[in-house]
């Protein structure tokens, strides 16, 4: 197991918040079987197994000791169609070139029976200040000030990120909507850099 996943630098409060939301969104689908793409620390799989979900882990890295080693673009070579009630893919797809995003979503579509839970990095295209106030007799209010900014993506471990130049949220949602209904889209206030999508499979959406 890669010890980096258990370092204090990695296991921040924001990271634990994302773990909680991954677990919560999967449980909301009432899935009995789950394919987790990207092993990471193994925390999410362990908790879901304790909660009674049959979890199969999948990763391209043998050193992480997943149940199945493979490439997300080749899920159909490892699993039959509709093999799992739900597929969880958290903070994985941004590590692939963007041209692989749609093929990866299609592979997830083919392999899930019903749902998918996906999270991606999300950088805002503005600086913001939100101030709440209360005035007697008038009540509460909020001031939201936004200052636009241009975020140019510099490739590193992440090949792309939502919100950076060339990767608007609408572009990502357009791909997702080709195969899934978006049941819920949100970012946790405790970790606004991770955006979550809970997706329900459309029938007959293969292009």
N, C-alpha and C. Protein backbone atom coordinates (compact mmCIF):
# COMPACT_ATOMS: atom_id res chain seq x y z
N UNK A 1 0.84 -1.19 0.00
CA UNK A 1 0.00 0.00 0.00
C UNK A 1 0.88 1.25 0.00
N UNK A 2 0.52 2.24 -0.82
CA UNK A 2 1.26 3.50 -0.89
C UNK A 2 1.05 4.28 0.41
N UNK A 3 2.13 4.50 1.17
CA UNK A 3 2.00 5.18 2.47
C UNK A 3 1.59 6.64 2.32
N UNK A 4 1.73 7.21 1.13
CA UNK A 4 1.32 8.60 0.91
C UNK A 4 -0.16 8.78 1.24
N UNK A 5 -0.97 7.75 0.99
CA UNK A 5 -2.40 7.85 1.26
C UNK A 5 -2.71 7.91 2.75
N UNK A 6 -1.72 7.66 3.60
CA UNK A 6 -1.94 7.70 5.04
C UNK A 6 -1.11 8.79 5.71
N UNK A 7 -0.57 9.69 4.91
CA UNK A 7 0.21 10.80 5.45
C UNK A 7 -0.73 11.91 5.93
N UNK A 8 -0.25 12.74 6.85
CA UNK A 8 -1.04 13.86 7.33
C UNK A 8 -1.30 14.86 6.20
N UNK A 9 -0.39 14.94 5.27
CA UNK A 9 -0.58 15.86 4.14
C UNK A 9 -1.77 15.45 3.28
N UNK A 10 -1.99 14.13 3.15
CA UNK A 10 -3.09 13.62 2.33
C UNK A 10 -4.40 13.57 3.12
N UNK A 11 -4.35 13.05 4.35
CA UNK A 11 -5.56 12.84 5.13
C UNK A 11 -5.94 14.10 5.90
N UNK A 12 -6.32 15.11 5.14
CA UNK A 12 -6.76 16.37 5.74
C UNK A 12 -8.24 16.28 6.12
N UNK A 13 -8.70 17.28 6.85
CA UNK A 13 -10.13 17.33 7.19
C UNK A 13 -10.97 17.39 5.93
N UNK A 14 -10.51 18.15 4.94
CA UNK A 14 -11.26 18.23 3.67
C UNK A 14 -11.35 16.87 3.00
N UNK A 15 -10.27 16.09 3.08
CA UNK A 15 -10.27 14.75 2.47
C UNK A 15 -11.28 13.85 3.18
N UNK A 16 -11.30 13.90 4.52
CA UNK A 16 -12.26 13.09 5.27
C UNK A 16 -13.70 13.50 4.95
N UNK A 17 -13.90 14.79 4.71
CA UNK A 17 -15.22 15.25 4.29
C UNK A 17 -15.64 14.60 2.98
N UNK A 18 -14.70 14.53 2.05
CA UNK A 18 -15.00 13.90 0.76
C UNK A 18 -15.26 12.40 0.92
N UNK A 19 -14.50 11.74 1.80
CA UNK A 19 -14.76 10.32 2.08
C UNK A 19 -16.20 10.14 2.55
N UNK A 20 -16.63 11.01 3.49
CA UNK A 20 -17.98 10.90 4.05
C UNK A 20 -19.04 11.03 2.95
N UNK A 21 -18.85 11.99 2.06
CA UNK A 21 -19.83 12.21 1.00
C UNK A 21 -19.82 11.06 -0.02
N UNK A 22 -18.65 10.49 -0.29
CA UNK A 22 -18.62 9.32 -1.17
C UNK A 22 -19.47 8.19 -0.57
N UNK A 23 -19.25 7.93 0.70
CA UNK A 23 -19.99 6.86 1.38
C UNK A 23 -21.47 7.17 1.41
N UNK A 24 -21.82 8.40 1.76
CA UNK A 24 -23.22 8.79 1.88
C UNK A 24 -23.95 8.70 0.55
N UNK A 25 -23.32 9.16 -0.52
CA UNK A 25 -23.99 9.13 -1.84
C UNK A 25 -24.18 7.70 -2.33
N UNK A 26 -23.21 6.83 -2.08
CA UNK A 26 -23.38 5.43 -2.47
C UNK A 26 -24.52 4.80 -1.69
N UNK A 27 -24.57 5.05 -0.38
CA UNK A 27 -25.64 4.46 0.44
C UNK A 27 -27.01 4.98 0.02
N UNK A 28 -27.08 6.20 -0.44
CA UNK A 28 -28.37 6.75 -0.90
C UNK A 28 -28.91 6.01 -2.12
N UNK A 29 -28.02 5.42 -2.91
CA UNK A 29 -28.49 4.66 -4.08
C UNK A 29 -29.06 3.30 -3.70
N UNK A 30 -28.86 2.90 -2.44
CA UNK A 30 -29.31 1.58 -1.94
C UNK A 30 -28.65 0.42 -2.70
N UNK A 31 -27.44 0.67 -3.18
CA UNK A 31 -26.70 -0.36 -3.91
C UNK A 31 -26.30 -1.51 -2.99
N UNK A 32 -26.44 -2.72 -3.50
CA UNK A 32 -25.95 -3.90 -2.77
C UNK A 32 -24.57 -4.31 -3.28
N UNK A 33 -24.27 -3.93 -4.52
CA UNK A 33 -22.95 -4.23 -5.08
C UNK A 33 -22.34 -2.96 -5.66
N UNK A 34 -21.04 -2.79 -5.45
CA UNK A 34 -20.37 -1.56 -5.87
C UNK A 34 -19.02 -1.88 -6.47
N UNK A 35 -18.67 -1.19 -7.55
CA UNK A 35 -17.32 -1.19 -8.09
C UNK A 35 -16.70 0.15 -7.74
N UNK A 36 -15.62 0.13 -6.95
CA UNK A 36 -14.89 1.35 -6.63
C UNK A 36 -13.68 1.45 -7.54
N UNK A 37 -13.64 2.47 -8.38
CA UNK A 37 -12.53 2.70 -9.29
C UNK A 37 -11.56 3.67 -8.64
N UNK A 38 -10.36 3.19 -8.35
CA UNK A 38 -9.38 3.99 -7.63
C UNK A 38 -9.38 3.60 -6.17
N UNK A 39 -8.37 2.85 -5.76
CA UNK A 39 -8.35 2.29 -4.41
C UNK A 39 -8.06 3.36 -3.36
N UNK A 40 -7.07 4.23 -3.63
CA UNK A 40 -6.70 5.25 -2.66
C UNK A 40 -6.30 4.65 -1.33
N UNK A 41 -6.81 5.21 -0.25
CA UNK A 41 -6.47 4.76 1.09
C UNK A 41 -7.22 3.49 1.49
N UNK A 42 -8.31 3.17 0.80
CA UNK A 42 -9.11 2.00 1.15
C UNK A 42 -10.16 2.28 2.22
N UNK A 43 -10.19 3.51 2.73
CA UNK A 43 -11.13 3.87 3.80
C UNK A 43 -12.57 3.70 3.37
N UNK A 44 -12.90 4.22 2.19
CA UNK A 44 -14.29 4.19 1.72
C UNK A 44 -14.77 2.77 1.51
N UNK A 45 -13.95 1.94 0.88
CA UNK A 45 -14.33 0.53 0.64
C UNK A 45 -14.56 -0.20 1.96
N UNK A 46 -13.70 0.04 2.93
CA UNK A 46 -13.82 -0.63 4.22
C UNK A 46 -15.13 -0.28 4.91
N UNK A 47 -15.45 1.01 4.93
CA UNK A 47 -16.69 1.44 5.60
C UNK A 47 -17.91 0.88 4.88
N UNK A 48 -17.92 0.93 3.56
CA UNK A 48 -19.07 0.43 2.81
C UNK A 48 -19.25 -1.08 2.98
N UNK A 49 -18.14 -1.80 3.05
CA UNK A 49 -18.24 -3.25 3.31
C UNK A 49 -18.85 -3.51 4.69
N UNK A 50 -18.42 -2.72 5.69
CA UNK A 50 -18.98 -2.86 7.03
C UNK A 50 -20.47 -2.51 7.04
N UNK A 51 -20.88 -1.65 6.10
CA UNK A 51 -22.29 -1.26 6.00
C UNK A 51 -23.11 -2.27 5.21
N UNK A 52 -22.47 -3.34 4.74
CA UNK A 52 -23.20 -4.41 4.07
C UNK A 52 -23.17 -4.37 2.55
N UNK A 53 -22.38 -3.47 1.97
CA UNK A 53 -22.27 -3.39 0.51
C UNK A 53 -21.15 -4.32 0.04
N UNK A 54 -21.42 -5.09 -1.00
CA UNK A 54 -20.40 -5.94 -1.61
C UNK A 54 -19.53 -5.07 -2.53
N UNK A 55 -18.29 -4.80 -2.11
CA UNK A 55 -17.42 -3.87 -2.84
C UNK A 55 -16.32 -4.62 -3.58
N UNK A 56 -16.18 -4.31 -4.86
CA UNK A 56 -15.05 -4.77 -5.67
C UNK A 56 -14.21 -3.56 -6.00
N UNK A 57 -12.90 -3.62 -5.71
CA UNK A 57 -12.03 -2.49 -6.00
C UNK A 57 -11.28 -2.72 -7.31
N UNK A 58 -11.03 -1.62 -8.01
CA UNK A 58 -10.42 -1.67 -9.34
C UNK A 58 -9.41 -0.54 -9.46
N UNK A 59 -8.21 -0.85 -9.91
CA UNK A 59 -7.19 0.19 -10.03
C UNK A 59 -6.15 -0.26 -11.06
N UNK A 60 -5.50 0.71 -11.67
CA UNK A 60 -4.48 0.40 -12.67
C UNK A 60 -3.16 0.01 -12.01
N UNK A 61 -3.03 0.33 -10.71
CA UNK A 61 -1.77 0.10 -10.00
C UNK A 61 -1.81 -1.20 -9.18
N UNK A 62 -1.01 -2.20 -9.54
CA UNK A 62 -0.98 -3.45 -8.77
C UNK A 62 -0.52 -3.25 -7.33
N UNK A 63 0.35 -2.25 -7.09
CA UNK A 63 0.90 -2.06 -5.74
C UNK A 63 -0.17 -1.66 -4.72
N UNK A 64 -1.30 -1.16 -5.20
CA UNK A 64 -2.39 -0.79 -4.30
C UNK A 64 -3.27 -2.00 -3.94
N UNK A 65 -2.99 -3.13 -4.56
CA UNK A 65 -3.66 -4.39 -4.28
C UNK A 65 -5.19 -4.32 -4.43
N UNK A 66 -5.65 -3.84 -5.59
CA UNK A 66 -7.10 -3.86 -5.82
C UNK A 66 -7.57 -5.29 -6.07
N UNK A 67 -8.86 -5.52 -6.00
CA UNK A 67 -9.40 -6.83 -6.34
C UNK A 67 -9.16 -7.17 -7.81
N UNK A 68 -9.24 -6.13 -8.65
CA UNK A 68 -9.00 -6.31 -10.09
C UNK A 68 -8.07 -5.20 -10.56
N UNK A 69 -7.01 -5.57 -11.27
CA UNK A 69 -6.08 -4.61 -11.85
C UNK A 69 -6.47 -4.36 -13.30
N UNK A 70 -6.59 -3.09 -13.68
CA UNK A 70 -6.94 -2.81 -15.07
C UNK A 70 -7.10 -1.32 -15.32
N UNK A 71 -7.37 -1.00 -16.58
CA UNK A 71 -7.54 0.37 -17.05
C UNK A 71 -9.03 0.68 -17.13
N UNK A 72 -9.43 1.85 -16.63
CA UNK A 72 -10.83 2.22 -16.65
C UNK A 72 -11.41 2.25 -18.06
N UNK A 73 -10.56 2.48 -19.06
CA UNK A 73 -11.03 2.51 -20.44
C UNK A 73 -11.31 1.11 -20.98
N UNK A 74 -11.04 0.09 -20.18
CA UNK A 74 -11.24 -1.30 -20.60
C UNK A 74 -12.08 -2.08 -19.59
N UNK A 75 -13.00 -1.39 -18.92
CA UNK A 75 -13.85 -2.07 -17.93
C UNK A 75 -14.60 -3.24 -18.55
N UNK A 76 -15.06 -3.08 -19.78
CA UNK A 76 -15.86 -4.14 -20.42
C UNK A 76 -15.04 -5.40 -20.68
N UNK A 77 -13.71 -5.31 -20.61
CA UNK A 77 -12.87 -6.51 -20.75
C UNK A 77 -12.76 -7.28 -19.44
N UNK A 78 -13.15 -6.63 -18.35
CA UNK A 78 -13.04 -7.26 -17.03
C UNK A 78 -14.39 -7.66 -16.43
N UNK A 79 -15.46 -6.94 -16.85
CA UNK A 79 -16.77 -7.17 -16.24
C UNK A 79 -17.85 -7.24 -17.32
N UNK A 80 -18.87 -8.03 -17.04
CA UNK A 80 -20.02 -8.11 -17.94
C UNK A 80 -20.85 -6.83 -17.84
N UNK A 81 -21.68 -6.55 -18.84
CA UNK A 81 -22.55 -5.36 -18.75
C UNK A 81 -23.43 -5.41 -17.51
N UNK A 82 -23.64 -4.25 -16.92
CA UNK A 82 -24.53 -4.09 -15.76
C UNK A 82 -24.14 -5.02 -14.61
N UNK A 83 -22.85 -5.11 -14.33
CA UNK A 83 -22.35 -6.03 -13.31
C UNK A 83 -22.57 -5.52 -11.88
N UNK A 84 -22.70 -4.18 -11.71
CA UNK A 84 -22.78 -3.62 -10.36
C UNK A 84 -23.96 -2.66 -10.24
N UNK A 85 -24.54 -2.62 -9.06
CA UNK A 85 -25.64 -1.68 -8.83
C UNK A 85 -25.16 -0.24 -8.94
N UNK A 86 -23.91 -0.01 -8.52
CA UNK A 86 -23.37 1.36 -8.52
C UNK A 86 -21.87 1.31 -8.77
N UNK A 87 -21.35 2.38 -9.38
CA UNK A 87 -19.91 2.52 -9.57
C UNK A 87 -19.49 3.84 -8.92
N UNK A 88 -18.45 3.77 -8.11
CA UNK A 88 -17.89 4.95 -7.46
C UNK A 88 -16.55 5.27 -8.12
N UNK A 89 -16.41 6.50 -8.59
CA UNK A 89 -15.16 6.92 -9.24
C UNK A 89 -14.84 8.33 -8.73
N UNK A 90 -14.04 8.41 -7.67
CA UNK A 90 -13.79 9.68 -6.98
C UNK A 90 -12.37 10.17 -7.21
N UNK A 91 -12.25 11.35 -7.79
CA UNK A 91 -10.95 12.00 -8.01
C UNK A 91 -10.00 11.11 -8.81
N UNK A 92 -10.52 10.55 -9.90
CA UNK A 92 -9.75 9.65 -10.75
C UNK A 92 -9.66 10.17 -12.18
N UNK A 93 -10.78 10.60 -12.74
CA UNK A 93 -10.85 10.88 -14.18
C UNK A 93 -9.98 12.04 -14.62
N UNK A 94 -9.67 12.96 -13.71
CA UNK A 94 -8.82 14.09 -14.06
C UNK A 94 -7.37 13.68 -14.30
N UNK A 95 -7.03 12.44 -13.95
CA UNK A 95 -5.68 11.93 -14.18
C UNK A 95 -5.52 11.39 -15.61
N UNK A 96 -6.64 11.31 -16.33
CA UNK A 96 -6.60 10.87 -17.73
C UNK A 96 -6.63 12.08 -18.65
N UNK A 97 -6.07 11.99 -19.85
CA UNK A 97 -6.24 13.07 -20.82
C UNK A 97 -7.73 13.33 -21.05
N UNK A 98 -8.11 14.58 -21.29
CA UNK A 98 -9.53 14.91 -21.38
C UNK A 98 -10.24 14.14 -22.50
N UNK A 99 -9.50 13.83 -23.56
CA UNK A 99 -10.15 13.07 -24.65
C UNK A 99 -10.57 11.67 -24.21
N UNK A 100 -10.07 11.22 -23.07
CA UNK A 100 -10.47 9.91 -22.53
C UNK A 100 -11.67 10.01 -21.59
N UNK A 101 -12.12 11.24 -21.30
CA UNK A 101 -13.21 11.41 -20.34
C UNK A 101 -14.50 10.75 -20.83
N UNK A 102 -14.92 11.05 -22.05
CA UNK A 102 -16.17 10.46 -22.56
C UNK A 102 -16.07 8.95 -22.69
N UNK A 103 -14.98 8.38 -23.26
CA UNK A 103 -14.87 6.92 -23.29
C UNK A 103 -14.92 6.29 -21.90
N UNK A 104 -14.34 6.96 -20.90
CA UNK A 104 -14.38 6.42 -19.53
C UNK A 104 -15.80 6.43 -18.99
N UNK A 105 -16.53 7.51 -19.24
CA UNK A 105 -17.93 7.58 -18.79
C UNK A 105 -18.77 6.52 -19.49
N UNK A 106 -18.48 6.26 -20.76
CA UNK A 106 -19.21 5.20 -21.47
C UNK A 106 -18.93 3.83 -20.86
N UNK A 107 -17.69 3.59 -20.46
CA UNK A 107 -17.36 2.32 -19.81
C UNK A 107 -18.10 2.18 -18.47
N UNK A 108 -18.18 3.27 -17.72
CA UNK A 108 -18.93 3.25 -16.47
C UNK A 108 -20.40 2.98 -16.75
N UNK A 109 -20.92 3.63 -17.77
CA UNK A 109 -22.33 3.43 -18.17
C UNK A 109 -22.61 1.96 -18.48
N UNK A 110 -21.72 1.34 -19.23
CA UNK A 110 -21.93 -0.06 -19.61
C UNK A 110 -21.88 -1.00 -18.41
N UNK A 111 -21.04 -0.67 -17.43
CA UNK A 111 -20.75 -1.60 -16.35
C UNK A 111 -21.70 -1.48 -15.17
N UNK A 112 -22.32 -0.30 -15.00
CA UNK A 112 -23.26 -0.15 -13.90
C UNK A 112 -24.66 -0.59 -14.30
N UNK A 113 -25.37 -1.11 -13.35
CA UNK A 113 -26.75 -1.50 -13.56
C UNK A 113 -27.69 -0.31 -13.39
N UNK A 114 -27.31 0.60 -12.48
CA UNK A 114 -28.24 1.67 -12.14
C UNK A 114 -27.58 3.03 -11.91
N UNK A 115 -26.62 3.09 -11.00
CA UNK A 115 -26.10 4.38 -10.56
C UNK A 115 -24.58 4.49 -10.70
N UNK A 116 -24.12 5.74 -10.65
CA UNK A 116 -22.70 6.04 -10.55
C UNK A 116 -22.54 7.27 -9.67
N UNK A 117 -21.49 7.29 -8.88
CA UNK A 117 -21.14 8.46 -8.07
C UNK A 117 -19.74 8.88 -8.50
N UNK A 118 -19.63 10.11 -8.95
CA UNK A 118 -18.36 10.61 -9.48
C UNK A 118 -18.01 11.91 -8.78
N UNK A 119 -16.74 12.09 -8.41
CA UNK A 119 -16.28 13.40 -7.95
C UNK A 119 -15.07 13.81 -8.76
N UNK A 120 -14.96 15.13 -8.95
CA UNK A 120 -13.90 15.71 -9.76
C UNK A 120 -13.39 17.00 -9.11
N UNK A 121 -12.17 17.41 -9.41
CA UNK A 121 -11.69 18.70 -8.87
C UNK A 121 -12.41 19.85 -9.56
N UNK A 122 -12.76 20.87 -8.78
CA UNK A 122 -13.55 22.00 -9.31
C UNK A 122 -12.94 23.30 -8.80
N UNK A 123 -12.38 24.07 -9.70
CA UNK A 123 -11.80 25.36 -9.34
C UNK A 123 -12.70 26.48 -9.85
N UNK A 124 -13.05 27.40 -8.96
CA UNK A 124 -13.94 28.50 -9.32
C UNK A 124 -13.24 29.48 -10.25
N UNK A 125 -14.04 30.07 -11.14
CA UNK A 125 -13.51 31.04 -12.09
C UNK A 125 -13.67 32.46 -11.56
N UNK A 126 -13.75 32.59 -10.23
CA UNK A 126 -13.88 33.91 -9.65
C UNK A 126 -13.35 33.88 -8.21
N UNK A 127 -12.93 35.04 -7.75
CA UNK A 127 -12.69 35.25 -6.33
C UNK A 127 -14.01 35.67 -5.72
N UNK A 128 -14.31 35.23 -4.53
CA UNK A 128 -15.61 35.56 -3.96
C UNK A 128 -15.56 35.93 -2.49
N UNK A 129 -16.48 36.80 -2.11
CA UNK A 129 -16.70 37.14 -0.71
C UNK A 129 -18.18 37.01 -0.43
N UNK A 130 -18.54 36.24 0.57
CA UNK A 130 -19.92 36.11 0.98
C UNK A 130 -20.05 36.63 2.41
N UNK A 131 -20.90 37.61 2.61
CA UNK A 131 -21.10 38.19 3.93
C UNK A 131 -22.57 38.09 4.30
N UNK A 132 -22.85 37.61 5.50
CA UNK A 132 -24.22 37.53 6.00
C UNK A 132 -24.42 38.64 7.03
N UNK A 133 -25.63 39.20 7.06
CA UNK A 133 -25.92 40.26 8.01
C UNK A 133 -27.37 40.18 8.47
N UNK A 134 -27.64 40.88 9.56
CA UNK A 134 -29.00 40.93 10.09
C UNK A 134 -29.31 42.36 10.50
N UNK A 135 -30.43 42.89 10.00
CA UNK A 135 -30.87 44.24 10.34
C UNK A 135 -32.22 44.14 11.04
N UNK A 136 -32.31 44.61 12.28
CA UNK A 136 -33.60 44.56 12.99
C UNK A 136 -34.72 45.19 12.16
N UNK A 137 -35.86 44.57 12.19
CA UNK A 137 -37.07 44.95 11.45
C UNK A 137 -37.03 44.55 9.98
N UNK A 138 -35.85 44.41 9.42
CA UNK A 138 -35.72 44.04 8.01
C UNK A 138 -35.34 42.58 7.82
N UNK A 139 -34.66 42.00 8.82
CA UNK A 139 -34.30 40.60 8.73
C UNK A 139 -32.88 40.37 8.24
N UNK A 140 -32.66 39.11 7.83
CA UNK A 140 -31.33 38.68 7.42
C UNK A 140 -31.10 38.90 5.93
N UNK A 141 -29.86 39.02 5.57
CA UNK A 141 -29.51 39.18 4.16
C UNK A 141 -28.11 38.65 3.89
N UNK A 142 -27.73 38.66 2.64
CA UNK A 142 -26.42 38.17 2.27
C UNK A 142 -25.88 38.99 1.11
N UNK A 143 -24.61 39.29 1.17
CA UNK A 143 -23.93 39.98 0.08
C UNK A 143 -22.96 39.00 -0.55
N UNK A 144 -23.04 38.85 -1.86
CA UNK A 144 -22.16 37.92 -2.59
C UNK A 144 -21.42 38.73 -3.65
N UNK A 145 -20.12 38.92 -3.46
CA UNK A 145 -19.30 39.69 -4.40
C UNK A 145 -18.39 38.73 -5.15
N UNK A 146 -18.45 38.79 -6.48
CA UNK A 146 -17.60 37.92 -7.30
C UNK A 146 -16.70 38.74 -8.19
N UNK A 147 -15.44 38.36 -8.23
CA UNK A 147 -14.46 39.00 -9.11
C UNK A 147 -13.96 37.94 -10.08
N UNK A 148 -14.30 38.05 -11.37
CA UNK A 148 -13.89 37.03 -12.34
C UNK A 148 -12.38 36.89 -12.43
N UNK A 149 -11.92 35.69 -12.70
CA UNK A 149 -10.50 35.43 -12.91
C UNK A 149 -10.34 34.35 -13.96
N UNK A 150 -9.24 34.36 -14.66
CA UNK A 150 -8.95 33.34 -15.68
C UNK A 150 -7.99 32.33 -15.08
N UNK A 151 -8.42 31.08 -15.06
CA UNK A 151 -7.56 30.02 -14.55
C UNK A 151 -7.02 29.20 -15.72
N UNK A 152 -5.75 29.36 -16.00
CA UNK A 152 -5.12 28.58 -17.05
C UNK A 152 -4.60 27.28 -16.46
N UNK A 153 -4.92 26.17 -17.11
CA UNK A 153 -4.50 24.89 -16.56
C UNK A 153 -3.05 24.59 -16.93
N UNK A 154 -2.28 24.26 -15.90
CA UNK A 154 -0.90 23.81 -16.11
C UNK A 154 -0.86 22.33 -15.75
N UNK A 155 -0.56 21.51 -16.72
CA UNK A 155 -0.67 20.06 -16.54
C UNK A 155 0.37 19.54 -15.56
N UNK A 156 -0.09 18.74 -14.63
CA UNK A 156 0.77 18.03 -13.69
C UNK A 156 0.19 16.64 -13.54
N UNK A 157 -0.07 16.21 -12.30
CA UNK A 157 -0.76 14.93 -12.10
C UNK A 157 -2.16 15.00 -12.68
N UNK A 158 -2.78 16.17 -12.59
CA UNK A 158 -4.11 16.36 -13.16
C UNK A 158 -3.99 16.85 -14.59
N UNK A 159 -4.58 16.12 -15.51
CA UNK A 159 -4.53 16.50 -16.92
C UNK A 159 -5.50 17.64 -17.22
N UNK A 160 -6.55 17.77 -16.39
CA UNK A 160 -7.55 18.82 -16.56
C UNK A 160 -8.33 18.96 -15.25
N UNK A 161 -8.99 20.09 -15.08
CA UNK A 161 -9.81 20.33 -13.90
C UNK A 161 -10.98 21.22 -14.29
N UNK A 162 -12.15 20.92 -13.77
CA UNK A 162 -13.33 21.73 -14.04
C UNK A 162 -13.08 23.16 -13.57
N UNK A 163 -13.50 24.12 -14.39
CA UNK A 163 -13.36 25.52 -14.03
C UNK A 163 -12.14 26.19 -14.61
N UNK A 164 -11.18 25.39 -15.05
CA UNK A 164 -10.01 25.98 -15.68
C UNK A 164 -10.24 26.14 -17.17
N UNK A 165 -9.42 26.96 -17.79
CA UNK A 165 -9.62 27.32 -19.19
C UNK A 165 -9.78 26.09 -20.08
N UNK A 166 -10.90 26.05 -20.80
CA UNK A 166 -11.18 24.94 -21.70
C UNK A 166 -12.01 23.82 -21.10
N UNK A 167 -12.27 23.90 -19.79
CA UNK A 167 -12.99 22.83 -19.11
C UNK A 167 -14.13 23.37 -18.24
N UNK A 168 -15.10 24.07 -18.86
CA UNK A 168 -16.22 24.59 -18.07
C UNK A 168 -17.12 23.47 -17.58
N UNK A 169 -17.84 23.76 -16.50
CA UNK A 169 -18.74 22.76 -15.92
C UNK A 169 -19.76 22.26 -16.93
N UNK A 170 -20.28 23.15 -17.76
CA UNK A 170 -21.30 22.75 -18.75
C UNK A 170 -20.76 21.69 -19.72
N UNK A 171 -19.49 21.78 -20.04
CA UNK A 171 -18.86 20.82 -20.96
C UNK A 171 -18.83 19.43 -20.34
N UNK A 172 -18.51 19.36 -19.04
CA UNK A 172 -18.44 18.08 -18.35
C UNK A 172 -19.84 17.52 -18.19
N UNK A 173 -20.80 18.37 -17.81
CA UNK A 173 -22.18 17.91 -17.62
C UNK A 173 -22.79 17.42 -18.93
N UNK A 174 -22.41 18.02 -20.04
CA UNK A 174 -22.92 17.59 -21.34
C UNK A 174 -22.55 16.14 -21.62
N UNK A 175 -21.31 15.77 -21.28
CA UNK A 175 -20.87 14.38 -21.45
C UNK A 175 -21.66 13.46 -20.52
N UNK A 176 -21.78 13.86 -19.26
CA UNK A 176 -22.49 13.02 -18.29
C UNK A 176 -23.94 12.80 -18.71
N UNK A 177 -24.59 13.87 -19.21
CA UNK A 177 -26.00 13.77 -19.59
C UNK A 177 -26.21 12.92 -20.83
N UNK A 178 -25.15 12.62 -21.55
CA UNK A 178 -25.28 11.73 -22.71
C UNK A 178 -25.62 10.31 -22.27
N UNK A 179 -25.26 9.97 -21.03
CA UNK A 179 -25.43 8.60 -20.57
C UNK A 179 -26.24 8.48 -19.27
N UNK A 180 -26.33 9.57 -18.51
CA UNK A 180 -26.95 9.51 -17.19
C UNK A 180 -27.88 10.70 -16.94
N UNK A 181 -28.85 10.47 -16.05
CA UNK A 181 -29.59 11.56 -15.45
C UNK A 181 -28.76 12.04 -14.24
N UNK A 182 -28.61 13.34 -14.09
CA UNK A 182 -27.90 13.85 -12.93
C UNK A 182 -28.91 14.02 -11.80
N UNK A 183 -28.91 13.10 -10.85
CA UNK A 183 -29.84 13.15 -9.74
C UNK A 183 -29.45 14.23 -8.74
N UNK A 184 -28.16 14.41 -8.56
CA UNK A 184 -27.68 15.43 -7.63
C UNK A 184 -26.30 15.89 -8.04
N UNK A 185 -26.08 17.19 -7.94
CA UNK A 185 -24.76 17.77 -8.17
C UNK A 185 -24.50 18.77 -7.05
N UNK A 186 -23.38 18.64 -6.39
CA UNK A 186 -23.10 19.54 -5.27
C UNK A 186 -21.60 19.54 -4.96
N UNK A 187 -21.18 20.54 -4.21
CA UNK A 187 -19.85 20.52 -3.62
C UNK A 187 -20.01 20.78 -2.13
N UNK A 188 -19.29 20.04 -1.29
CA UNK A 188 -19.39 20.24 0.16
C UNK A 188 -18.82 21.61 0.54
N UNK A 189 -19.50 22.32 1.42
CA UNK A 189 -18.97 23.60 1.86
C UNK A 189 -17.62 23.43 2.55
N UNK A 190 -17.39 22.24 3.14
CA UNK A 190 -16.12 21.98 3.81
C UNK A 190 -14.99 21.68 2.83
N UNK A 191 -15.35 21.39 1.57
CA UNK A 191 -14.34 21.10 0.56
C UNK A 191 -14.88 21.49 -0.81
N UNK A 192 -14.84 22.79 -1.10
CA UNK A 192 -15.47 23.29 -2.32
C UNK A 192 -14.68 22.93 -3.58
N UNK A 193 -13.51 22.29 -3.41
CA UNK A 193 -12.71 21.93 -4.58
C UNK A 193 -13.03 20.54 -5.11
N UNK A 194 -13.96 19.84 -4.46
CA UNK A 194 -14.45 18.56 -4.97
C UNK A 194 -15.92 18.70 -5.30
N UNK A 195 -16.29 18.47 -6.55
CA UNK A 195 -17.70 18.51 -6.94
C UNK A 195 -18.18 17.08 -7.16
N UNK A 196 -19.36 16.79 -6.65
CA UNK A 196 -19.92 15.45 -6.69
C UNK A 196 -21.10 15.38 -7.65
N UNK A 197 -21.21 14.24 -8.32
CA UNK A 197 -22.37 13.95 -9.18
C UNK A 197 -22.92 12.58 -8.79
N UNK A 198 -24.19 12.54 -8.43
CA UNK A 198 -24.86 11.24 -8.29
C UNK A 198 -25.70 11.04 -9.55
N UNK A 199 -25.38 9.97 -10.28
CA UNK A 199 -25.92 9.76 -11.62
C UNK A 199 -26.79 8.51 -11.67
N UNK A 200 -27.88 8.60 -12.44
CA UNK A 200 -28.74 7.43 -12.67
C UNK A 200 -28.73 7.10 -14.16
N UNK A 201 -28.52 5.86 -14.47
CA UNK A 201 -28.31 5.40 -15.83
C UNK A 201 -29.53 5.63 -16.72
N UNK A 202 -29.28 6.17 -17.92
CA UNK A 202 -30.31 6.24 -18.94
C UNK A 202 -30.31 4.94 -19.72
N UNK A 203 -31.45 4.54 -20.18
CA UNK A 203 -31.51 3.35 -21.02
C UNK A 203 -31.34 3.72 -22.48
N UNK A 204 -30.58 2.89 -23.21
CA UNK A 204 -30.41 3.09 -24.64
C UNK A 204 -29.63 4.33 -25.00
N UNK A 205 -28.58 4.66 -24.21
CA UNK A 205 -27.83 5.89 -24.44
C UNK A 205 -26.49 5.68 -25.12
N UNK A 206 -26.17 4.47 -25.52
CA UNK A 206 -24.90 4.24 -26.20
C UNK A 206 -24.92 4.90 -27.57
N UNK A 207 -23.83 5.62 -27.85
CA UNK A 207 -23.75 6.35 -29.11
C UNK A 207 -23.03 5.51 -30.17
